[in-house]
Amino acid sequence: MAQQVQGVIAPGRNEPVRVETIVVPDPGPGEAVVKIKACGVCHTDLHYKQGGINDEFPFLLGHEAAGTVESVGAGVTDVAPGDFVILNWRAVCGQCRACLRGRPWYCFATHNARQKMTLLDGTELSPALGIGAFAEKTLVAAGQCTKVDPAVAPEIAGLLGCGVMAGIGAAINTGNVGRGDSVAVIGCGGVGDAAVVGSRLAGAAKIIAVDIDDRKLAKAAEMGATHTVNSRTTDPVEAIRELTGGFGADVVIEAVGRPETYQQAFYARDLAGTVVLVGVPTPDMRLDLPLLDVFGRGGALKSSWYGDCLPSRDFPMLIDLHQQGRIDLGAFVTETIGLGDVEKAFARMHEGDVLRSVVVL
């Protein structure tokens, strides 16, 4: 029988979010209903509210979440009721050309639940990234559930569902940061700081954090950055070159998603170095680079999809590292809030004084 729960919706472009009653259907084949325990407030949710993703309003917001599987539909074998899971927004299909080539982190046919959650009047909701976890319960594809150790706090585990995984993965999986490398991270929000953590975990010798906010730079230093550069007052390209013997960094991770910061990343890398774009641009943005420079500087220009992660591989591994004290995922949690506080959390995000506000249910 369908259930009625409370959830946070974005009713229209730039309208304030509000808590509404949501109808969650029983799981169909390949689906699962998850009781949400915690969900981080990610910048992507704000993009949805602003209409920056698409205009399929109303949206059921929230996607960076952890919870307990309540029920599963026919054919589901990987998770069962009672399992503690992190939700992911790239459930791999196992059948596309990327999966069949042994590269499932590039899966070209990721999927979500087929059924729709609705408002009481039957209005269909568009769940953010196919999840919609600012709700007491949500319906997802079972492949979006990754089982992890239930001993970890939900507000910490859920962060791997998006931002923290994106940043750590950008360094380790996409950027292939190695022992002794020099790394520059442009943009020190949650994703950028996670890239700092990932670079440190990979053994980078020098990690240069770049931002226009001294508060964020101080936090990046706490996370493991060895040097900081305020690009509001200092040319970041020249500063990065100066800190790397005049050459540039081996890997530059752009965690802003703007043409001007991408250009900085491009010129701040060493010859044959790597640029990783993990910041998400808007559809209207364009980039103008001399093609001769693209050719002449060599190396690699990469985009990082979700940190090129494979949830079944990476989520349990990172939870283990947290429990061993080798990374501190809890350092990303600035505050815990309720469902009714999401609009205020968006305002705090805009002010730049939080890494993550996390809704706890």
Protein backbone atom coordinates (compact mmCIF):
# COMPACT_ATOMS: atom_id res chain seq x y z
CA MET A 1 0.00 0.00 0.00
CA ALA A 2 1.27 3.48 -0.87
CA GLN A 3 2.51 5.57 2.06
CA GLN A 4 2.15 9.24 2.88
CA VAL A 5 5.28 10.96 4.20
CA GLN A 6 6.65 14.47 4.59
CA GLY A 7 9.11 15.79 2.01
CA VAL A 8 10.64 19.04 0.75
CA ILE A 9 9.61 20.19 -2.72
CA ALA A 10 10.68 23.02 -4.99
CA PRO A 11 7.34 24.12 -6.52
CA GLY A 12 8.70 26.46 -9.19
CA ARG A 13 11.75 28.35 -10.40
CA ASN A 14 13.33 30.30 -7.53
CA GLU A 15 10.26 29.83 -5.32
CA PRO A 16 10.89 29.04 -1.64
CA VAL A 17 10.91 25.32 -0.91
CA ARG A 18 8.22 23.91 1.33
CA VAL A 19 7.37 20.74 3.23
CA GLU A 20 4.50 18.81 1.64
CA THR A 21 2.85 15.41 2.02
CA ILE A 22 4.37 12.98 -0.49
CA VAL A 23 2.82 9.73 -1.71
CA VAL A 24 5.40 6.93 -1.97
CA PRO A 25 4.20 3.82 -3.85
CA ASP A 26 5.13 0.28 -2.94
CA PRO A 27 8.33 -0.80 -4.71
CA GLY A 28 7.88 -2.43 -8.08
CA PRO A 29 10.30 -4.84 -9.77
CA GLY A 30 13.89 -3.70 -9.21
CA GLU A 31 12.87 -0.94 -6.80
CA ALA A 32 13.27 -0.23 -3.09
CA VAL A 33 11.68 2.05 -0.52
CA VAL A 34 14.26 3.55 1.82
CA LYS A 35 13.58 5.20 5.17
CA ILE A 36 15.86 8.23 5.14
CA LYS A 37 18.00 8.92 8.20
CA ALA A 38 20.09 11.84 6.93
CA CYS A 39 20.52 13.88 3.75
CA GLY A 40 23.07 16.59 3.00
CA VAL A 41 22.08 19.94 1.46
CA CYS A 42 24.09 19.98 -1.76
CA HIS A 43 24.56 22.84 -4.21
CA THR A 44 22.92 20.67 -6.88
CA ASP A 45 19.66 20.89 -4.93
CA LEU A 46 19.91 24.67 -5.14
CA HIS A 47 20.49 24.36 -8.91
CA TYR A 48 17.26 22.36 -9.14
CA LYS A 49 15.37 25.02 -7.18
CA GLN A 50 16.74 27.75 -9.44
CA GLY A 51 15.79 25.86 -12.60
CA GLY A 52 19.43 25.38 -13.54
CA ILE A 53 19.06 21.64 -14.21
CA ASN A 54 15.75 21.54 -16.08
CA ASP A 55 12.21 22.87 -15.68
CA GLU A 56 10.46 19.65 -14.66
CA PHE A 57 8.88 21.19 -11.55
CA PRO A 58 7.86 20.35 -8.91
CA PHE A 59 11.05 18.70 -7.70
CA LEU A 60 11.39 16.48 -4.66
CA LEU A 61 14.78 17.71 -3.48
CA GLY A 62 17.63 15.90 -1.71
CA HIS A 63 20.00 13.23 -2.99
CA GLU A 64 23.06 13.00 -0.69
CA ALA A 65 21.56 10.50 1.70
CA ALA A 66 21.78 7.42 3.88
CA GLY A 67 18.99 5.33 5.35
CA THR A 68 17.54 1.89 5.93
CA VAL A 69 15.88 -0.25 3.29
CA GLU A 70 12.24 -0.71 4.29
CA SER A 71 10.97 -2.88 1.43
CA VAL A 72 12.07 -4.16 -1.96
CA GLY A 73 10.28 -5.17 -5.13
CA ALA A 74 10.42 -8.35 -7.17
CA GLY A 75 13.81 -9.48 -8.39
CA VAL A 76 15.87 -7.47 -5.90
CA THR A 77 18.67 -9.56 -4.39
CA ASP A 78 21.54 -7.17 -3.61
CA VAL A 79 19.81 -5.44 -0.69
CA ALA A 80 17.12 -6.50 1.77
CA PRO A 81 14.86 -4.84 4.34
CA GLY A 82 16.91 -3.65 7.30
CA ASP A 83 20.10 -2.98 5.33
CA PHE A 84 21.81 0.36 6.05
CA VAL A 85 22.59 1.96 2.69
CA ILE A 86 24.03 5.03 1.04
CA LEU A 87 22.01 6.21 -1.94
CA ASN A 88 23.78 6.89 -5.22
CA TRP A 89 22.53 8.58 -8.37
CA ARG A 90 24.33 6.33 -10.86
CA ALA A 91 22.89 2.83 -10.61
CA VAL A 92 24.95 0.91 -13.18
CA CYS A 93 23.12 -1.25 -15.70
CA GLY A 94 25.74 -3.98 -16.21
CA GLN A 95 24.81 -4.29 -19.89
CA CYS A 96 25.92 -1.15 -21.74
CA ARG A 97 29.16 -0.92 -23.72
CA ALA A 98 31.03 0.70 -20.80
CA CYS A 99 29.91 -1.97 -18.33
CA LEU A 100 30.72 -4.78 -20.75
CA ARG A 101 34.20 -3.34 -21.26
CA GLY A 102 34.82 -3.55 -17.51
CA ARG A 103 34.42 0.20 -16.89
CA PRO A 104 31.08 0.39 -15.06
CA TRP A 105 31.94 3.75 -13.50
CA TYR A 106 31.31 5.16 -17.00
CA CYS A 107 27.95 3.36 -17.33
CA PHE A 108 25.96 5.00 -20.12
CA ALA A 109 22.58 3.62 -19.06
CA THR A 110 22.25 4.40 -15.37
CA HIS A 111 18.68 4.16 -14.16
CA ASN A 112 16.20 5.25 -11.51
CA ALA A 113 12.90 3.96 -10.17
CA ARG A 114 10.25 3.64 -12.87
CA GLN A 115 7.31 4.61 -10.68
CA LYS A 116 6.68 8.22 -9.72
CA MET A 117 6.18 9.68 -6.27
CA THR A 118 3.40 12.27 -6.20
CA LEU A 119 1.72 14.99 -4.21
CA LEU A 120 -1.65 14.19 -2.63
CA ASP A 121 -3.48 15.58 -5.67
CA GLY A 122 -1.63 13.20 -7.99
CA THR A 123 0.92 15.72 -9.30
CA GLU A 124 4.02 13.75 -10.30
CA LEU A 125 7.29 14.77 -8.67
CA SER A 126 10.72 14.87 -10.25
CA PRO A 127 13.15 13.50 -7.65
CA ALA A 128 16.51 15.27 -7.59
CA LEU A 129 19.06 13.05 -9.36
CA GLY A 130 16.49 10.28 -9.29
CA ILE A 131 16.54 10.12 -5.48
CA GLY A 132 14.44 12.78 -3.70
CA ALA A 133 15.74 12.24 -0.17
CA PHE A 134 14.57 15.36 1.67
CA ALA A 135 11.75 13.08 2.74
CA GLU A 136 10.97 10.61 5.47
CA LYS A 137 10.96 7.84 2.86
CA THR A 138 11.79 7.68 -0.84
CA LEU A 139 11.48 5.27 -3.78
CA VAL A 140 14.62 4.44 -5.76
CA ALA A 141 16.00 1.79 -8.06
CA ALA A 142 17.51 -0.93 -5.90
CA GLY A 143 20.83 -0.41 -7.71
CA GLN A 144 20.95 3.05 -6.17
CA CYS A 145 21.35 1.45 -2.72
CA THR A 146 24.87 0.58 -1.56
CA LYS A 147 25.10 -1.41 1.64
CA VAL A 148 27.67 -0.18 4.20
CA ASP A 149 28.55 -0.71 7.86
CA PRO A 150 25.61 0.52 9.98
CA ALA A 151 27.99 1.58 12.75
CA VAL A 152 28.81 4.83 10.95
CA ALA A 153 26.61 7.86 11.68
CA PRO A 154 24.03 8.46 8.90
CA GLU A 155 24.87 12.16 8.63
CA ILE A 156 28.45 11.15 7.81
CA ALA A 157 27.70 8.18 5.56
CA GLY A 158 25.26 10.12 3.41
CA LEU A 159 27.92 12.62 2.33
CA LEU A 160 29.46 9.94 0.14
CA GLY A 161 26.26 9.97 -1.89
CA CYS A 162 27.42 13.06 -3.79
CA GLY A 163 29.83 15.87 -2.88
CA VAL A 164 32.49 14.10 -0.83
CA MET A 165 32.65 11.18 -3.25
CA ALA A 166 32.83 13.56 -6.19
CA GLY A 167 35.84 15.37 -4.73
CA ILE A 168 37.75 12.35 -3.44
CA GLY A 169 37.06 10.50 -6.67
CA ALA A 170 38.19 13.46 -8.78
CA ALA A 171 41.61 13.18 -7.15
CA ILE A 172 41.99 9.41 -6.85
CA ASN A 173 39.95 7.96 -9.70
CA THR A 174 39.94 10.66 -12.38
CA GLY A 175 43.12 12.57 -11.64
CA ASN A 176 45.12 9.48 -10.68
CA VAL A 177 47.01 11.52 -8.10
CA GLY A 178 50.07 9.56 -7.00
CA ARG A 179 52.73 9.61 -4.33
CA GLY A 180 54.87 12.73 -4.52
CA ASP A 181 52.61 14.58 -6.97
CA SER A 182 51.81 18.25 -6.75
CA VAL A 183 48.10 19.06 -6.83
CA ALA A 184 46.19 22.34 -7.04
CA VAL A 185 42.50 22.50 -6.14
CA ILE A 186 40.58 25.53 -7.40
CA GLY A 187 37.41 26.11 -5.37
CA CYS A 188 37.31 25.02 -1.72
CA GLY A 189 33.70 24.21 -1.01
CA GLY A 190 32.66 20.71 -0.02
CA VAL A 191 33.77 19.10 -3.28
CA GLY A 192 37.06 20.98 -3.40
CA ASP A 193 37.90 20.12 0.20
CA ALA A 194 37.09 16.49 -0.56
CA ALA A 195 39.57 16.68 -3.44
CA VAL A 196 42.14 17.94 -0.93
CA VAL A 197 41.37 14.96 1.31
CA GLY A 198 41.61 12.58 -1.65
CA SER A 199 44.94 14.06 -2.76
CA ARG A 200 46.35 13.71 0.72
CA LEU A 201 45.11 10.12 0.92
CA ALA A 202 46.82 9.36 -2.39
CA GLY A 203 50.16 10.64 -1.10
CA ALA A 204 50.47 14.01 -2.85
CA ALA A 205 53.52 15.89 -1.63
CA LYS A 206 52.12 19.36 -2.24
CA ILE A 207 48.44 20.34 -2.19
CA ILE A 208 47.66 23.94 -3.12
CA ALA A 209 44.17 25.19 -2.26
CA VAL A 210 42.82 28.16 -4.24
CA ASP A 211 39.74 30.22 -3.35
CA ILE A 212 38.58 33.82 -2.96
CA ASP A 213 37.43 33.30 0.65
CA ASP A 214 39.99 33.14 3.45
CA ARG A 215 37.54 31.18 5.62
CA LYS A 216 37.38 28.43 3.02
CA LEU A 217 41.15 28.45 2.61
CA ALA A 218 41.57 28.00 6.36
CA LYS A 219 39.24 25.00 6.26
CA ALA A 220 41.13 23.54 3.30
CA ALA A 221 44.33 23.81 5.30
CA GLU A 222 42.66 21.89 8.13
CA MET A 223 41.70 19.22 5.60
CA GLY A 224 45.28 18.76 4.42
CA ALA A 225 46.23 21.55 2.01
CA THR A 226 49.92 22.38 2.33
CA HIS A 227 49.59 25.84 0.74
CA THR A 228 46.73 28.29 0.16
CA VAL A 229 46.23 31.01 -2.43
CA ASN A 230 43.58 33.74 -2.30
CA SER A 231 42.84 34.31 -5.99
CA ARG A 232 40.96 37.52 -5.23
CA THR A 233 44.26 39.21 -4.42
CA THR A 234 46.84 36.96 -6.11
CA ASP A 235 47.16 35.57 -9.65
CA PRO A 236 46.54 31.87 -8.97
CA VAL A 237 48.38 30.64 -12.06
CA GLU A 238 51.56 32.49 -11.13
CA ALA A 239 51.23 31.46 -7.48
CA ILE A 240 50.83 27.78 -8.35
CA ARG A 241 53.81 27.93 -10.70
CA GLU A 242 55.92 29.63 -8.06
CA LEU A 243 55.02 26.94 -5.53
CA THR A 244 55.98 24.19 -8.00
CA GLY A 245 59.41 25.34 -9.10
CA GLY A 246 58.04 27.40 -11.96
CA PHE A 247 56.46 24.41 -13.70
CA GLY A 248 52.85 24.12 -12.58
CA ALA A 249 51.06 21.34 -10.74
CA ASP A 250 50.96 17.72 -11.90
CA VAL A 251 47.18 17.66 -11.37
CA VAL A 252 44.83 20.65 -11.18
CA ILE A 253 41.29 19.98 -10.01
CA GLU A 254 38.71 22.61 -10.94
CA ALA A 255 35.85 22.43 -8.44
CA VAL A 256 33.99 25.61 -9.43
CA GLY A 257 32.66 24.94 -12.91
CA ARG A 258 33.28 28.31 -14.56
CA PRO A 259 35.19 29.15 -17.78
CA GLU A 260 37.55 31.57 -16.06
CA THR A 261 38.56 29.13 -13.32
CA TYR A 262 38.91 26.32 -15.86
CA GLN A 263 41.27 28.51 -17.86
CA GLN A 264 43.29 29.09 -14.70
CA ALA A 265 43.43 25.34 -14.16
CA PHE A 266 44.55 24.79 -17.75
CA TYR A 267 47.50 27.16 -17.47
CA ALA A 268 48.39 26.24 -13.87
CA ARG A 269 49.27 22.63 -14.74
CA ASP A 270 52.70 21.38 -15.68
CA LEU A 271 53.46 20.27 -19.22
CA ALA A 272 51.82 16.87 -19.75
CA GLY A 273 49.86 17.49 -16.55
CA THR A 274 46.20 16.73 -15.95
CA VAL A 275 43.21 19.02 -15.53
CA VAL A 276 40.13 17.53 -13.88
CA LEU A 277 36.81 19.37 -14.16
CA VAL A 278 34.52 18.34 -11.31
CA GLY A 279 32.72 21.66 -10.84
CA VAL A 280 29.40 21.65 -12.73
CA PRO A 281 28.96 24.41 -15.35
CA THR A 282 25.62 25.78 -16.50
CA PRO A 283 24.37 25.10 -20.06
CA ASP A 284 25.14 28.62 -21.29
CA MET A 285 28.85 28.60 -20.41
CA ARG A 286 31.47 28.51 -23.17
CA LEU A 287 35.25 28.09 -23.16
CA ASP A 288 37.73 29.77 -25.50
CA LEU A 289 41.26 28.33 -25.53
CA PRO A 290 43.93 28.54 -28.24
CA LEU A 291 43.94 25.11 -29.86
CA LEU A 292 47.70 25.34 -30.22
CA ASP A 293 48.00 25.59 -26.43
CA VAL A 294 45.80 22.51 -26.03
CA PHE A 295 48.15 20.66 -28.40
CA GLY A 296 51.39 22.16 -27.16
CA ARG A 297 50.88 21.61 -23.45
CA GLY A 298 50.02 17.95 -23.86
CA GLY A 299 48.66 15.97 -20.96
CA ALA A 300 45.02 15.28 -20.29
CA LEU A 301 41.84 17.33 -19.92
CA LYS A 302 39.27 15.24 -18.05
CA SER A 303 35.76 15.58 -16.72
CA SER A 304 34.92 13.72 -13.52
CA TRP A 305 31.47 12.14 -13.42
CA TYR A 306 30.60 11.60 -9.76
CA GLY A 307 34.31 11.17 -9.06
CA ASP A 308 34.28 8.31 -11.60
CA CYS A 309 33.18 6.20 -8.66
CA LEU A 310 31.80 2.70 -8.53
CA PRO A 311 29.59 2.87 -5.44
CA SER A 312 29.83 -0.83 -4.62
CA ARG A 313 33.63 -0.50 -4.57
CA ASP A 314 34.22 3.01 -3.26
CA PHE A 315 31.54 3.64 -0.62
CA PRO A 316 32.47 0.71 1.68
CA MET A 317 36.17 1.44 1.21
CA LEU A 318 35.83 5.09 2.23
CA ILE A 319 33.63 4.18 5.20
CA ASP A 320 36.36 1.76 6.31
CA LEU A 321 39.01 4.48 6.00
CA HIS A 322 36.86 6.82 8.07
CA GLN A 323 36.38 4.21 10.78
CA GLN A 324 40.14 3.59 10.83
CA GLY A 325 40.76 7.31 11.37
CA ARG A 326 42.59 7.72 8.06
CA ILE A 327 40.07 10.25 6.75
CA ASP A 328 37.66 12.39 8.76
CA LEU A 329 34.33 12.49 6.95
CA GLY A 330 32.75 14.12 9.99
CA ALA A 331 34.78 17.26 9.34
CA PHE A 332 32.48 18.04 6.40
CA VAL A 333 29.36 18.31 8.58
CA THR A 334 28.89 21.93 9.66
CA GLU A 335 25.40 21.58 11.16
CA THR A 336 22.45 19.22 11.42
CA ILE A 337 18.96 20.55 10.69
CA GLY A 338 15.34 19.46 10.19
CA LEU A 339 13.22 19.20 7.03
CA GLY A 340 11.76 22.63 7.68
CA ASP A 341 15.19 24.29 7.68
CA VAL A 342 16.25 23.56 4.08
CA GLU A 343 15.46 27.06 2.77
CA LYS A 344 17.62 28.57 5.53
CA ALA A 345 20.37 26.10 4.66
CA PHE A 346 20.35 27.34 1.05
CA ALA A 347 20.83 30.89 2.37
CA ARG A 348 23.77 29.79 4.51
CA MET A 349 25.27 28.00 1.52
CA HIS A 350 25.08 31.22 -0.47
CA GLU A 351 26.85 33.07 2.33
CA GLY A 352 29.71 30.55 2.14
CA ASP A 353 29.94 29.72 5.84
CA VAL A 354 29.06 26.01 5.68
CA LEU A 355 30.58 22.93 4.11
CA ARG A 356 27.46 20.86 4.63
CA SER A 357 24.18 21.34 6.37
CA VAL A 358 22.69 17.89 6.89
CA VAL A 359 18.99 17.14 7.35
CA VAL A 360 18.56 14.50 10.06
CA LEU A 361 15.27 12.62 10.32
